[in-house]
Amino acid sequence: MIHVTSFQGLIMKHMRIPLKRVNDILLVLIVLINGYIILAPQLPKLEYWWQTRHGNKQQTLTKEIQAPATATTPTEQPNTLIVPAMLLKTPILEAPVKDTYKILDKGIWRWPLGSTPDKGGNTVLVGHRFTYTNPKGIFYYMDKVKVGDEIGITWKNKPYTYRVTSVREVPPTETSVTDQTTDDRLTMYTCTPLWNPKNRLVVVAQKEAN
């Protein structure tokens, strides 16, 4: 006859093996999750490093701004932003303010209370820089933009060229970046820094004569 204490000890002995496996699995998951949290914000930087040294996308986009293609059909093409320093060519999306978060998940959003390139004033474009669901946000490389860089916009089939005049960080309470202006400018902003996006990175560019 098996003693009760011996029986309990036998059960506990067999339970230790699966419990150890569970602990090992949990440890691996914790390491993987922590690794993703640390590495995810940095991975797009490796892509940028590779493309700027082994690709010609930046040069191609610069040429496209300086010698824009002439529309061969009357069909209206999507409004487009080109920023060579960011290796970026992307459509400019339109949506009401109530759909801000939904549209920002899809790309660059034009602040609807601002202006447009054809009307002058302050055209404001907003985009994510980094989220863990999309580590390479549309404005991830905005910190690569420098004063003097060219930016191109095609709006209603007409090209516009801008020259960067300032790059700065401001607190989120600084709402003047979206104010209308008497000069023709482009304002782009996103959250910064990557891990603790407590501020806004703002790029301002003046429109050049076409």
N, C-alpha and C. Protein backbone atom coordinates (compact mmCIF):
# COMPACT_ATOMS: atom_id res chain seq x y z
N MET A 1 0.85 -1.19 0.00
CA MET A 1 0.00 0.00 0.00
C MET A 1 0.89 1.26 0.00
N ILE A 2 0.57 2.20 -0.94
CA ILE A 2 1.37 3.41 -1.07
C ILE A 2 0.95 4.41 0.00
N HIS A 3 1.93 4.93 0.69
CA HIS A 3 1.66 5.93 1.70
C HIS A 3 1.23 7.24 1.01
N VAL A 4 0.31 8.00 1.64
CA VAL A 4 -0.22 9.22 1.05
C VAL A 4 0.91 10.21 0.77
N THR A 5 1.82 10.37 1.71
CA THR A 5 2.92 11.32 1.54
C THR A 5 3.79 10.95 0.35
N SER A 6 4.04 9.65 0.18
CA SER A 6 4.84 9.18 -0.95
C SER A 6 4.12 9.46 -2.27
N PHE A 7 2.79 9.27 -2.26
CA PHE A 7 1.99 9.51 -3.47
C PHE A 7 2.03 10.99 -3.87
N GLN A 8 1.92 11.88 -2.87
CA GLN A 8 1.99 13.31 -3.15
C GLN A 8 3.37 13.70 -3.69
N GLY A 9 4.38 13.10 -3.13
CA GLY A 9 5.74 13.38 -3.60
C GLY A 9 5.94 12.95 -5.02
N LEU A 10 5.33 11.81 -5.39
CA LEU A 10 5.43 11.30 -6.76
C LEU A 10 4.76 12.25 -7.74
N ILE A 11 3.60 12.79 -7.35
CA ILE A 11 2.88 13.74 -8.21
C ILE A 11 3.70 15.02 -8.40
N MET A 12 4.25 15.55 -7.31
CA MET A 12 5.03 16.77 -7.38
C MET A 12 6.27 16.58 -8.24
N LYS A 13 6.86 15.40 -8.18
CA LYS A 13 8.05 15.12 -8.98
C LYS A 13 7.73 15.21 -10.46
N HIS A 14 6.58 14.68 -10.86
CA HIS A 14 6.19 14.69 -12.28
C HIS A 14 5.73 16.09 -12.71
N MET A 15 5.27 16.90 -11.77
CA MET A 15 4.82 18.25 -12.10
C MET A 15 5.98 19.20 -12.31
N ARG A 16 7.13 18.91 -11.69
CA ARG A 16 8.25 19.82 -11.80
C ARG A 16 8.73 19.95 -13.25
N ILE A 17 8.66 18.87 -14.02
CA ILE A 17 9.16 18.90 -15.41
C ILE A 17 8.35 19.86 -16.27
N PRO A 18 7.00 19.73 -16.34
CA PRO A 18 6.25 20.68 -17.16
C PRO A 18 6.33 22.11 -16.63
N LEU A 19 6.40 22.31 -15.31
CA LEU A 19 6.51 23.65 -14.76
C LEU A 19 7.83 24.30 -15.18
N LYS A 20 8.89 23.50 -15.21
CA LYS A 20 10.18 24.02 -15.65
C LYS A 20 10.12 24.42 -17.12
N ARG A 21 9.43 23.62 -17.92
CA ARG A 21 9.30 23.95 -19.34
C ARG A 21 8.52 25.25 -19.53
N VAL A 22 7.46 25.40 -18.75
CA VAL A 22 6.67 26.63 -18.83
C VAL A 22 7.52 27.84 -18.46
N ASN A 23 8.31 27.70 -17.40
CA ASN A 23 9.18 28.79 -16.98
C ASN A 23 10.21 29.14 -18.07
N ASP A 24 10.75 28.09 -18.72
CA ASP A 24 11.73 28.31 -19.79
C ASP A 24 11.08 29.05 -20.96
N ILE A 25 9.86 28.65 -21.31
CA ILE A 25 9.14 29.30 -22.41
C ILE A 25 8.85 30.76 -22.08
N LEU A 26 8.40 31.01 -20.85
CA LEU A 26 8.12 32.38 -20.43
C LEU A 26 9.39 33.23 -20.47
N LEU A 27 10.52 32.65 -20.06
CA LEU A 27 11.78 33.39 -20.07
C LEU A 27 12.17 33.77 -21.50
N VAL A 28 12.00 32.82 -22.42
CA VAL A 28 12.33 33.10 -23.82
C VAL A 28 11.42 34.19 -24.37
N LEU A 29 10.13 34.14 -24.05
CA LEU A 29 9.18 35.16 -24.52
C LEU A 29 9.54 36.54 -23.98
N ILE A 30 9.92 36.59 -22.71
CA ILE A 30 10.30 37.87 -22.10
C ILE A 30 11.53 38.45 -22.80
N VAL A 31 12.52 37.60 -23.10
CA VAL A 31 13.73 38.05 -23.79
C VAL A 31 13.39 38.57 -25.18
N LEU A 32 12.52 37.84 -25.90
CA LEU A 32 12.14 38.24 -27.26
C LEU A 32 11.37 39.56 -27.26
N ILE A 33 10.44 39.70 -26.33
CA ILE A 33 9.65 40.94 -26.26
C ILE A 33 10.54 42.13 -25.92
N ASN A 34 11.41 41.95 -24.93
CA ASN A 34 12.33 43.04 -24.56
C ASN A 34 13.27 43.38 -25.72
N GLY A 35 13.71 42.34 -26.43
CA GLY A 35 14.58 42.57 -27.59
C GLY A 35 13.87 43.37 -28.66
N TYR A 36 12.60 43.06 -28.90
CA TYR A 36 11.82 43.80 -29.91
C TYR A 36 11.63 45.25 -29.49
N ILE A 37 11.31 45.46 -28.20
CA ILE A 37 11.11 46.82 -27.70
C ILE A 37 12.37 47.67 -27.88
N ILE A 38 13.53 47.04 -27.66
CA ILE A 38 14.79 47.78 -27.76
C ILE A 38 15.22 47.98 -29.21
N LEU A 39 15.07 46.93 -30.03
CA LEU A 39 15.62 46.97 -31.39
C LEU A 39 14.68 47.59 -32.41
N ALA A 40 13.37 47.45 -32.23
CA ALA A 40 12.41 47.91 -33.25
C ALA A 40 12.61 49.36 -33.65
N PRO A 41 12.83 50.29 -32.71
CA PRO A 41 13.02 51.69 -33.12
C PRO A 41 14.29 51.92 -33.93
N GLN A 42 15.26 50.99 -33.85
CA GLN A 42 16.55 51.19 -34.50
C GLN A 42 16.66 50.53 -35.87
N LEU A 43 15.83 49.54 -36.15
CA LEU A 43 15.97 48.77 -37.39
C LEU A 43 15.87 49.63 -38.65
N PRO A 44 14.93 50.60 -38.72
CA PRO A 44 14.88 51.43 -39.94
C PRO A 44 16.15 52.24 -40.18
N LYS A 45 16.91 52.52 -39.13
CA LYS A 45 18.17 53.25 -39.30
C LYS A 45 19.16 52.44 -40.12
N LEU A 46 19.15 51.11 -39.94
CA LEU A 46 20.03 50.25 -40.72
C LEU A 46 19.62 50.29 -42.19
N GLU A 47 18.33 50.31 -42.44
CA GLU A 47 17.83 50.38 -43.82
C GLU A 47 18.28 51.68 -44.48
N TYR A 48 18.17 52.78 -43.73
CA TYR A 48 18.58 54.09 -44.27
C TYR A 48 20.08 54.08 -44.57
N TRP A 49 20.86 53.56 -43.65
CA TRP A 49 22.31 53.49 -43.85
C TRP A 49 22.64 52.72 -45.12
N TRP A 50 21.97 51.60 -45.32
CA TRP A 50 22.23 50.76 -46.49
C TRP A 50 21.82 51.48 -47.78
N GLN A 51 20.64 52.08 -47.80
CA GLN A 51 20.12 52.71 -49.01
C GLN A 51 20.94 53.94 -49.40
N THR A 52 21.41 54.70 -48.44
CA THR A 52 22.18 55.90 -48.77
C THR A 52 23.58 55.57 -49.25
N ARG A 53 24.05 54.37 -48.99
CA ARG A 53 25.40 53.97 -49.41
C ARG A 53 25.40 53.05 -50.62
N HIS A 54 24.31 52.33 -50.81
CA HIS A 54 24.29 51.36 -51.90
C HIS A 54 23.14 51.59 -52.90
N GLY A 55 22.33 52.59 -52.66
CA GLY A 55 21.23 52.87 -53.57
C GLY A 55 21.32 54.28 -54.13
N ASN A 56 20.42 54.61 -55.06
CA ASN A 56 20.42 55.95 -55.65
C ASN A 56 19.06 56.62 -55.53
N LYS A 57 18.27 56.18 -54.54
CA LYS A 57 16.92 56.72 -54.39
C LYS A 57 16.93 58.21 -54.09
N GLN A 58 17.86 58.64 -53.25
CA GLN A 58 17.92 60.06 -52.89
C GLN A 58 18.22 60.92 -54.12
N GLN A 59 19.16 60.47 -54.95
CA GLN A 59 19.50 61.22 -56.15
C GLN A 59 18.34 61.23 -57.15
N THR A 60 17.65 60.10 -57.26
CA THR A 60 16.53 59.99 -58.18
C THR A 60 15.40 60.95 -57.78
N LEU A 61 15.10 61.01 -56.48
CA LEU A 61 14.03 61.89 -56.00
C LEU A 61 14.42 63.36 -56.17
N THR A 62 15.71 63.68 -55.97
CA THR A 62 16.17 65.06 -56.15
C THR A 62 15.98 65.48 -57.61
N LYS A 63 16.33 64.60 -58.54
CA LYS A 63 16.15 64.90 -59.96
C LYS A 63 14.68 65.09 -60.30
N GLU A 64 13.83 64.31 -59.65
CA GLU A 64 12.39 64.41 -59.91
C GLU A 64 11.84 65.76 -59.48
N ILE A 65 12.40 66.32 -58.40
CA ILE A 65 11.97 67.65 -57.96
C ILE A 65 12.48 68.72 -58.93
N GLN A 66 13.72 68.58 -59.34
CA GLN A 66 14.35 69.60 -60.17
C GLN A 66 13.86 69.57 -61.62
N ALA A 67 13.41 68.39 -62.06
CA ALA A 67 12.89 68.28 -63.42
C ALA A 67 11.62 67.43 -63.39
N PRO A 68 10.54 67.98 -62.84
CA PRO A 68 9.30 67.19 -62.71
C PRO A 68 8.74 66.77 -64.05
N ALA A 69 8.15 65.60 -64.06
CA ALA A 69 7.56 65.07 -65.30
C ALA A 69 6.34 65.90 -65.68
N THR A 70 6.16 66.09 -66.96
CA THR A 70 4.99 66.82 -67.46
C THR A 70 3.84 65.86 -67.65
N ALA A 71 2.67 66.22 -67.12
CA ALA A 71 1.50 65.35 -67.24
C ALA A 71 1.13 65.17 -68.71
N THR A 72 0.97 63.93 -69.12
CA THR A 72 0.64 63.65 -70.52
C THR A 72 -0.86 63.43 -70.71
N THR A 73 -1.59 63.35 -69.62
CA THR A 73 -3.04 63.17 -69.69
C THR A 73 -3.69 64.17 -68.76
N PRO A 74 -4.94 64.54 -69.04
CA PRO A 74 -5.63 65.49 -68.17
C PRO A 74 -6.11 64.89 -66.86
N THR A 75 -5.90 63.58 -66.69
CA THR A 75 -6.34 62.93 -65.47
C THR A 75 -5.56 63.46 -64.26
N GLU A 76 -6.29 63.82 -63.22
CA GLU A 76 -5.63 64.35 -62.03
C GLU A 76 -4.94 63.24 -61.26
N GLN A 77 -3.64 63.43 -61.01
CA GLN A 77 -2.85 62.45 -60.28
C GLN A 77 -2.93 62.71 -58.78
N PRO A 78 -2.59 61.71 -57.96
CA PRO A 78 -2.63 61.92 -56.51
C PRO A 78 -1.67 63.04 -56.08
N ASN A 79 -2.09 63.84 -55.12
CA ASN A 79 -1.20 64.85 -54.55
C ASN A 79 -0.06 64.12 -53.84
N THR A 80 1.17 64.57 -54.08
CA THR A 80 2.34 63.79 -53.65
C THR A 80 3.39 64.66 -52.98
N LEU A 81 4.03 64.10 -51.96
CA LEU A 81 5.15 64.74 -51.27
C LEU A 81 6.44 63.99 -51.60
N ILE A 82 7.50 64.75 -51.92
CA ILE A 82 8.81 64.16 -52.18
C ILE A 82 9.85 64.83 -51.27
N VAL A 83 10.52 64.01 -50.46
CA VAL A 83 11.58 64.52 -49.58
C VAL A 83 12.81 63.63 -49.78
N PRO A 84 13.73 64.03 -50.65
CA PRO A 84 14.90 63.18 -50.93
C PRO A 84 15.70 62.80 -49.69
N ALA A 85 15.88 63.74 -48.75
CA ALA A 85 16.67 63.45 -47.55
C ALA A 85 16.05 62.33 -46.72
N MET A 86 14.73 62.13 -46.87
CA MET A 86 14.03 61.09 -46.14
C MET A 86 13.77 59.85 -47.00
N LEU A 87 14.29 59.87 -48.24
CA LEU A 87 14.05 58.78 -49.20
C LEU A 87 12.55 58.55 -49.37
N LEU A 88 11.82 59.64 -49.43
CA LEU A 88 10.37 59.56 -49.33
C LEU A 88 9.66 60.15 -50.55
N LYS A 89 8.77 59.37 -51.11
CA LYS A 89 7.79 59.84 -52.09
C LYS A 89 6.48 59.15 -51.76
N THR A 90 5.48 59.94 -51.40
CA THR A 90 4.25 59.34 -50.88
C THR A 90 3.05 60.24 -51.14
N PRO A 91 1.87 59.65 -51.26
CA PRO A 91 0.66 60.47 -51.44
C PRO A 91 0.35 61.29 -50.20
N ILE A 92 -0.28 62.43 -50.42
CA ILE A 92 -0.77 63.27 -49.33
C ILE A 92 -2.25 62.97 -49.13
N LEU A 93 -2.61 62.52 -47.95
CA LEU A 93 -3.97 62.08 -47.68
C LEU A 93 -4.83 63.21 -47.11
N GLU A 94 -6.10 63.15 -47.42
CA GLU A 94 -7.06 64.15 -46.95
C GLU A 94 -8.09 63.46 -46.06
N ALA A 95 -8.44 64.12 -44.94
CA ALA A 95 -9.47 63.59 -44.04
C ALA A 95 -9.85 64.67 -43.05
N PRO A 96 -11.07 64.63 -42.53
CA PRO A 96 -11.46 65.61 -41.50
C PRO A 96 -10.72 65.36 -40.20
N VAL A 97 -10.72 66.37 -39.33
CA VAL A 97 -10.00 66.29 -38.06
C VAL A 97 -10.48 65.11 -37.21
N LYS A 98 -11.77 64.80 -37.27
CA LYS A 98 -12.30 63.71 -36.44
C LYS A 98 -11.69 62.35 -36.80
N ASP A 99 -11.12 62.24 -37.99
CA ASP A 99 -10.51 60.97 -38.43
C ASP A 99 -8.99 60.99 -38.34
N THR A 100 -8.45 61.89 -37.51
CA THR A 100 -7.00 62.08 -37.43
C THR A 100 -6.24 60.77 -37.22
N TYR A 101 -6.58 60.05 -36.17
CA TYR A 101 -5.81 58.85 -35.82
C TYR A 101 -5.97 57.75 -36.87
N LYS A 102 -7.13 57.65 -37.44
CA LYS A 102 -7.37 56.64 -38.46
C LYS A 102 -6.54 56.91 -39.71
N ILE A 103 -6.51 58.18 -40.14
CA ILE A 103 -5.78 58.52 -41.38
C ILE A 103 -4.28 58.49 -41.17
N LEU A 104 -3.81 58.84 -39.96
CA LEU A 104 -2.37 58.83 -39.71
C LEU A 104 -1.80 57.41 -39.75
N ASP A 105 -2.63 56.42 -39.51
CA ASP A 105 -2.18 55.03 -39.63
C ASP A 105 -1.95 54.64 -41.09
N LYS A 106 -2.44 55.46 -42.01
CA LYS A 106 -2.33 55.14 -43.43
C LYS A 106 -1.23 55.93 -44.14
N GLY A 107 -0.78 57.04 -43.54
CA GLY A 107 0.27 57.81 -44.21
C GLY A 107 0.28 59.26 -43.78
N ILE A 108 0.69 60.14 -44.70
CA ILE A 108 0.80 61.57 -44.41
C ILE A 108 -0.56 62.24 -44.58
N TRP A 109 -0.88 63.08 -43.61
CA TRP A 109 -2.18 63.74 -43.58
C TRP A 109 -1.99 65.25 -43.66
N ARG A 110 -2.76 65.86 -44.54
CA ARG A 110 -2.74 67.33 -44.59
C ARG A 110 -3.73 67.88 -43.58
N TRP A 111 -3.21 68.75 -42.71
CA TRP A 111 -4.04 69.41 -41.71
C TRP A 111 -5.12 70.20 -42.44
N PRO A 112 -6.40 69.80 -42.32
CA PRO A 112 -7.46 70.40 -43.14
C PRO A 112 -7.78 71.85 -42.82
N LEU A 113 -7.34 72.32 -41.63
CA LEU A 113 -7.58 73.71 -41.28
C LEU A 113 -6.46 74.62 -41.79
N GLY A 114 -5.47 74.01 -42.43
CA GLY A 114 -4.39 74.78 -43.02
C GLY A 114 -4.66 75.08 -44.48
N SER A 115 -3.61 75.51 -45.18
CA SER A 115 -3.76 75.89 -46.58
C SER A 115 -3.32 74.75 -47.49
N THR A 116 -3.22 75.05 -48.78
CA THR A 116 -2.72 74.12 -49.78
C THR A 116 -1.70 74.87 -50.64
N PRO A 117 -0.80 74.15 -51.32
CA PRO A 117 0.25 74.83 -52.09
C PRO A 117 -0.26 75.83 -53.12
N ASP A 118 -1.40 75.55 -53.72
CA ASP A 118 -1.90 76.45 -54.76
C ASP A 118 -2.52 77.73 -54.20
N LYS A 119 -2.83 77.74 -52.90
CA LYS A 119 -3.47 78.91 -52.29
C LYS A 119 -2.49 79.76 -51.48
N GLY A 120 -1.28 79.29 -51.28
CA GLY A 120 -0.31 80.04 -50.48
C GLY A 120 -0.55 79.85 -49.00
N GLY A 121 0.13 80.63 -48.18
CA GLY A 121 -0.02 80.46 -46.74
C GLY A 121 0.74 79.24 -46.24
N ASN A 122 0.26 78.67 -45.14
CA ASN A 122 0.95 77.58 -44.46
C ASN A 122 0.27 76.24 -44.75
N THR A 123 0.93 75.41 -45.55
CA THR A 123 0.46 74.04 -45.79
C THR A 123 1.10 73.14 -44.74
N VAL A 124 0.28 72.44 -43.97
CA VAL A 124 0.77 71.65 -42.84
C VAL A 124 0.55 70.16 -43.10
N LEU A 125 1.62 69.39 -43.00
CA LEU A 125 1.56 67.94 -43.19
C LEU A 125 2.01 67.24 -41.91
N VAL A 126 1.27 66.21 -41.54
CA VAL A 126 1.52 65.50 -40.28
C VAL A 126 1.69 64.01 -40.57
N GLY A 127 2.57 63.34 -39.81
CA GLY A 127 2.74 61.91 -39.98
C GLY A 127 3.38 61.28 -38.76
N HIS A 128 3.15 59.98 -38.59
CA HIS A 128 3.80 59.24 -37.51
C HIS A 128 5.29 59.08 -37.82
N ARG A 129 6.08 59.07 -36.76
CA ARG A 129 7.49 58.75 -36.91
C ARG A 129 7.77 57.30 -36.52
N PHE A 130 7.17 56.88 -35.42
CA PHE A 130 7.39 55.51 -34.95
C PHE A 130 6.23 55.05 -34.09
N THR A 131 5.76 53.85 -34.35
CA THR A 131 4.86 53.13 -33.44
C THR A 131 5.31 51.68 -33.45
N TYR A 132 5.03 50.96 -32.38
CA TYR A 132 5.48 49.56 -32.34
C TYR A 132 4.71 48.68 -33.31
N THR A 133 3.52 49.10 -33.73
CA THR A 133 2.79 48.35 -34.76
C THR A 133 3.32 48.68 -36.15
N ASN A 134 4.00 49.83 -36.28
CA ASN A 134 4.62 50.23 -37.55
C ASN A 134 5.93 50.94 -37.24
N PRO A 135 7.01 50.16 -36.99
CA PRO A 135 8.27 50.77 -36.55
C PRO A 135 8.81 51.83 -37.50
N LYS A 136 8.61 51.63 -38.80
CA LYS A 136 9.08 52.64 -39.75
C LYS A 136 7.91 53.51 -40.16
N GLY A 137 7.60 54.51 -39.33
CA GLY A 137 6.54 55.43 -39.65
C GLY A 137 6.89 56.26 -40.88
N ILE A 138 5.88 56.89 -41.49
CA ILE A 138 6.08 57.62 -42.73
C ILE A 138 7.08 58.77 -42.57
N PHE A 139 7.16 59.35 -41.37
CA PHE A 139 8.10 60.44 -41.10
C PHE A 139 9.27 59.98 -40.23
N TYR A 140 9.60 58.70 -40.27
CA TYR A 140 10.67 58.17 -39.42
C TYR A 140 11.99 58.93 -39.64
N TYR A 141 12.32 59.21 -40.90
CA TYR A 141 13.61 59.81 -41.22
C TYR A 141 13.59 61.34 -41.21
N MET A 142 12.61 61.94 -40.57
CA MET A 142 12.55 63.40 -40.59
C MET A 142 13.77 64.04 -39.93
N ASP A 143 14.41 63.33 -39.02
CA ASP A 143 15.61 63.89 -38.37
C ASP A 143 16.78 63.98 -39.34
N LYS A 144 16.65 63.41 -40.53
CA LYS A 144 17.71 63.49 -41.54
C LYS A 144 17.62 64.78 -42.36
N VAL A 145 16.49 65.48 -42.26
CA VAL A 145 16.29 66.71 -43.03
C VAL A 145 17.13 67.84 -42.43
N LYS A 146 17.78 68.60 -43.29
CA LYS A 146 18.64 69.70 -42.85
C LYS A 146 18.22 71.00 -43.54
N VAL A 147 18.59 72.11 -42.93
CA VAL A 147 18.34 73.41 -43.54
C VAL A 147 19.02 73.46 -44.91
N GLY A 148 18.30 73.94 -45.91
CA GLY A 148 18.82 74.01 -47.27
C GLY A 148 18.35 72.87 -48.16
N ASP A 149 17.79 71.79 -47.57
CA ASP A 149 17.29 70.67 -48.36
C ASP A 149 16.09 71.07 -49.20
N GLU A 150 15.93 70.40 -50.33
CA GLU A 150 14.77 70.62 -51.19
C GLU A 150 13.65 69.65 -50.85
N ILE A 151 12.42 70.12 -50.97
CA ILE A 151 11.23 69.30 -50.80
C ILE A 151 10.29 69.62 -51.96
N GLY A 152 9.70 68.60 -52.52
CA GLY A 152 8.78 68.81 -53.64
C GLY A 152 7.37 68.36 -53.31
N ILE A 153 6.40 69.08 -53.83
CA ILE A 153 5.00 68.68 -53.72
C ILE A 153 4.36 68.79 -55.10
N THR A 154 3.64 67.78 -55.49
CA THR A 154 2.80 67.86 -56.67
C THR A 154 1.37 67.99 -56.18
N TRP A 155 0.74 69.12 -56.52
CA TRP A 155 -0.62 69.39 -56.04
C TRP A 155 -1.50 69.74 -57.23
N LYS A 156 -2.53 68.94 -57.43
CA LYS A 156 -3.43 69.10 -58.57
C LYS A 156 -2.65 69.17 -59.87
N ASN A 157 -1.72 68.22 -59.99
CA ASN A 157 -0.88 68.04 -61.19
C ASN A 157 0.17 69.13 -61.40
N LYS A 158 0.30 70.06 -60.46
CA LYS A 158 1.28 71.13 -60.59
C LYS A 158 2.39 70.95 -59.56
N PRO A 159 3.67 71.04 -60.00
CA PRO A 159 4.78 70.86 -59.06
C PRO A 159 5.12 72.14 -58.31
N TYR A 160 5.49 71.98 -57.03
CA TYR A 160 5.93 73.09 -56.20
C TYR A 160 7.23 72.66 -55.51
N THR A 161 8.16 73.59 -55.41
CA THR A 161 9.43 73.30 -54.75
C THR A 161 9.58 74.17 -53.51
N TYR A 162 10.08 73.56 -52.44
CA TYR A 162 10.29 74.27 -51.17
C TYR A 162 11.73 74.07 -50.73
N ARG A 163 12.24 75.04 -49.99
CA ARG A 163 13.60 74.97 -49.45
C ARG A 163 13.52 75.06 -47.93
N VAL A 164 14.11 74.08 -47.24
CA VAL A 164 14.02 74.02 -45.78
C VAL A 164 14.76 75.20 -45.15
N THR A 165 14.06 75.89 -44.25
CA THR A 165 14.64 77.06 -43.57
C THR A 165 14.86 76.83 -42.08
N SER A 166 14.16 75.85 -41.50
CA SER A 166 14.37 75.57 -40.07
C SER A 166 13.96 74.16 -39.73
N VAL A 167 14.68 73.58 -38.78
CA VAL A 167 14.36 72.26 -38.21
C VAL A 167 14.50 72.42 -36.70
N ARG A 168 13.43 72.17 -35.96
CA ARG A 168 13.50 72.39 -34.51
C ARG A 168 12.52 71.47 -33.77
N GLU A 169 12.77 71.35 -32.46
CA GLU A 169 11.85 70.62 -31.59
C GLU A 169 11.02 71.62 -30.80
N VAL A 170 9.74 71.29 -30.64
CA VAL A 170 8.87 72.14 -29.83
C VAL A 170 8.01 71.24 -28.94
N PRO A 171 7.49 71.76 -27.83
CA PRO A 171 6.57 70.98 -27.00
C PRO A 171 5.23 70.82 -27.72
N PRO A 172 4.46 69.81 -27.36
CA PRO A 172 3.15 69.60 -28.02
C PRO A 172 2.17 70.73 -27.79
N THR A 173 2.45 71.57 -26.81
CA THR A 173 1.58 72.72 -26.54
C THR A 173 1.83 73.87 -27.51
N GLU A 174 2.90 73.76 -28.30
CA GLU A 174 3.25 74.82 -29.26
C GLU A 174 2.39 74.64 -30.52
N THR A 175 1.24 75.25 -30.52
CA THR A 175 0.29 75.09 -31.63
C THR A 175 0.48 76.09 -32.75
N SER A 176 1.40 77.03 -32.57
CA SER A 176 1.60 78.05 -33.59
C SER A 176 2.12 77.49 -34.90
N VAL A 177 2.66 76.25 -34.87
CA VAL A 177 3.20 75.67 -36.10
C VAL A 177 2.10 75.45 -37.15
N THR A 178 0.85 75.37 -36.71
CA THR A 178 -0.24 75.17 -37.66
C THR A 178 -0.95 76.48 -38.02
N ASP A 179 -0.50 77.60 -37.44
CA ASP A 179 -1.13 78.88 -37.74
C ASP A 179 -0.93 79.28 -39.19
N GLN A 180 -1.87 80.05 -39.72
CA GLN A 180 -1.71 80.56 -41.07
C GLN A 180 -0.67 81.66 -41.10
N THR A 181 -0.01 81.82 -42.25
CA THR A 181 1.08 82.77 -42.41
C THR A 181 0.86 83.61 -43.66
N THR A 182 1.54 84.74 -43.72
CA THR A 182 1.44 85.60 -44.90
C THR A 182 2.38 85.12 -46.01
N ASP A 183 3.43 84.36 -45.63
CA ASP A 183 4.35 83.81 -46.63
C ASP A 183 3.89 82.42 -47.04
N ASP A 184 4.39 81.95 -48.19
CA ASP A 184 4.05 80.62 -48.68
C ASP A 184 5.05 79.62 -48.12
N ARG A 185 4.57 78.72 -47.26
CA ARG A 185 5.47 77.78 -46.62
C ARG A 185 4.85 76.40 -46.49
N LEU A 186 5.73 75.44 -46.23
CA LEU A 186 5.33 74.07 -45.92
C LEU A 186 5.82 73.77 -44.52
N THR A 187 4.94 73.25 -43.68
CA THR A 187 5.31 72.83 -42.33
C THR A 187 5.01 71.34 -42.20
N MET A 188 6.02 70.58 -41.79
CA MET A 188 5.84 69.15 -41.52
C MET A 188 6.22 68.90 -40.07
N TYR A 189 5.42 68.09 -39.39
CA TYR A 189 5.82 67.77 -38.02
C TYR A 189 5.41 66.35 -37.64
N THR A 190 6.15 65.82 -36.66
CA THR A 190 5.94 64.47 -36.17
C THR A 190 6.40 64.41 -34.72
N CYS A 191 6.18 63.28 -34.07
CA CYS A 191 6.58 63.12 -32.67
C CYS A 191 8.06 62.76 -32.56
N THR A 192 8.68 63.18 -31.47
CA THR A 192 10.09 62.89 -31.22
C THR A 192 10.36 63.00 -29.72
N PRO A 193 11.38 62.31 -29.15
CA PRO A 193 12.22 61.28 -29.77
C PRO A 193 11.49 59.95 -29.90
N LEU A 194 12.20 58.95 -30.42
CA LEU A 194 11.55 57.68 -30.75
C LEU A 194 10.95 56.99 -29.54
N TRP A 195 11.74 56.82 -28.46
CA TRP A 195 11.28 56.04 -27.31
C TRP A 195 10.33 56.82 -26.41
N ASN A 196 10.51 58.10 -26.36
CA ASN A 196 9.70 58.92 -25.46
C ASN A 196 9.21 60.16 -26.22
N PRO A 197 8.21 60.00 -27.08
CA PRO A 197 7.79 61.09 -27.98
C PRO A 197 7.06 62.21 -27.26
N LYS A 198 7.79 62.93 -26.43
CA LYS A 198 7.18 64.00 -25.63
C LYS A 198 7.15 65.34 -26.36
N ASN A 199 7.94 65.46 -27.46
CA ASN A 199 8.00 66.71 -28.20
C ASN A 199 7.58 66.52 -29.65
N ARG A 200 7.64 67.60 -30.42
CA ARG A 200 7.34 67.56 -31.84
C ARG A 200 8.57 68.03 -32.62
N LEU A 201 8.92 67.27 -33.65
CA LEU A 201 9.98 67.67 -34.56
C LEU A 201 9.32 68.40 -35.73
N VAL A 202 9.72 69.64 -35.94
CA VAL A 202 9.05 70.50 -36.92
C VAL A 202 10.05 70.94 -37.99
N VAL A 203 9.66 70.73 -39.24
CA VAL A 203 10.44 71.19 -40.40
C VAL A 203 9.62 72.25 -41.13
N VAL A 204 10.24 73.41 -41.36
CA VAL A 204 9.58 74.49 -42.10
C VAL A 204 10.38 74.76 -43.37
N ALA A 205 9.68 74.88 -44.50
CA ALA A 205 10.32 75.15 -45.78
C ALA A 205 9.56 76.25 -46.51
N GLN A 206 10.31 77.13 -47.15
CA GLN A 206 9.72 78.23 -47.90
C GLN A 206 9.54 77.82 -49.37
N LYS A 207 8.41 78.25 -49.94
CA LYS A 207 8.16 77.95 -51.34
C LYS A 207 9.08 78.78 -52.23
N GLU A 208 9.64 78.10 -53.24
CA GLU A 208 10.50 78.79 -54.19
C GLU A 208 9.72 79.14 -55.45
N ALA A 209 10.18 80.15 -56.16
CA ALA A 209 9.51 80.55 -57.41
C ALA A 209 9.68 79.44 -58.44
N ASN A 210 8.59 79.08 -59.08
CA ASN A 210 8.65 78.02 -60.10
C ASN A 210 9.19 78.57 -61.42
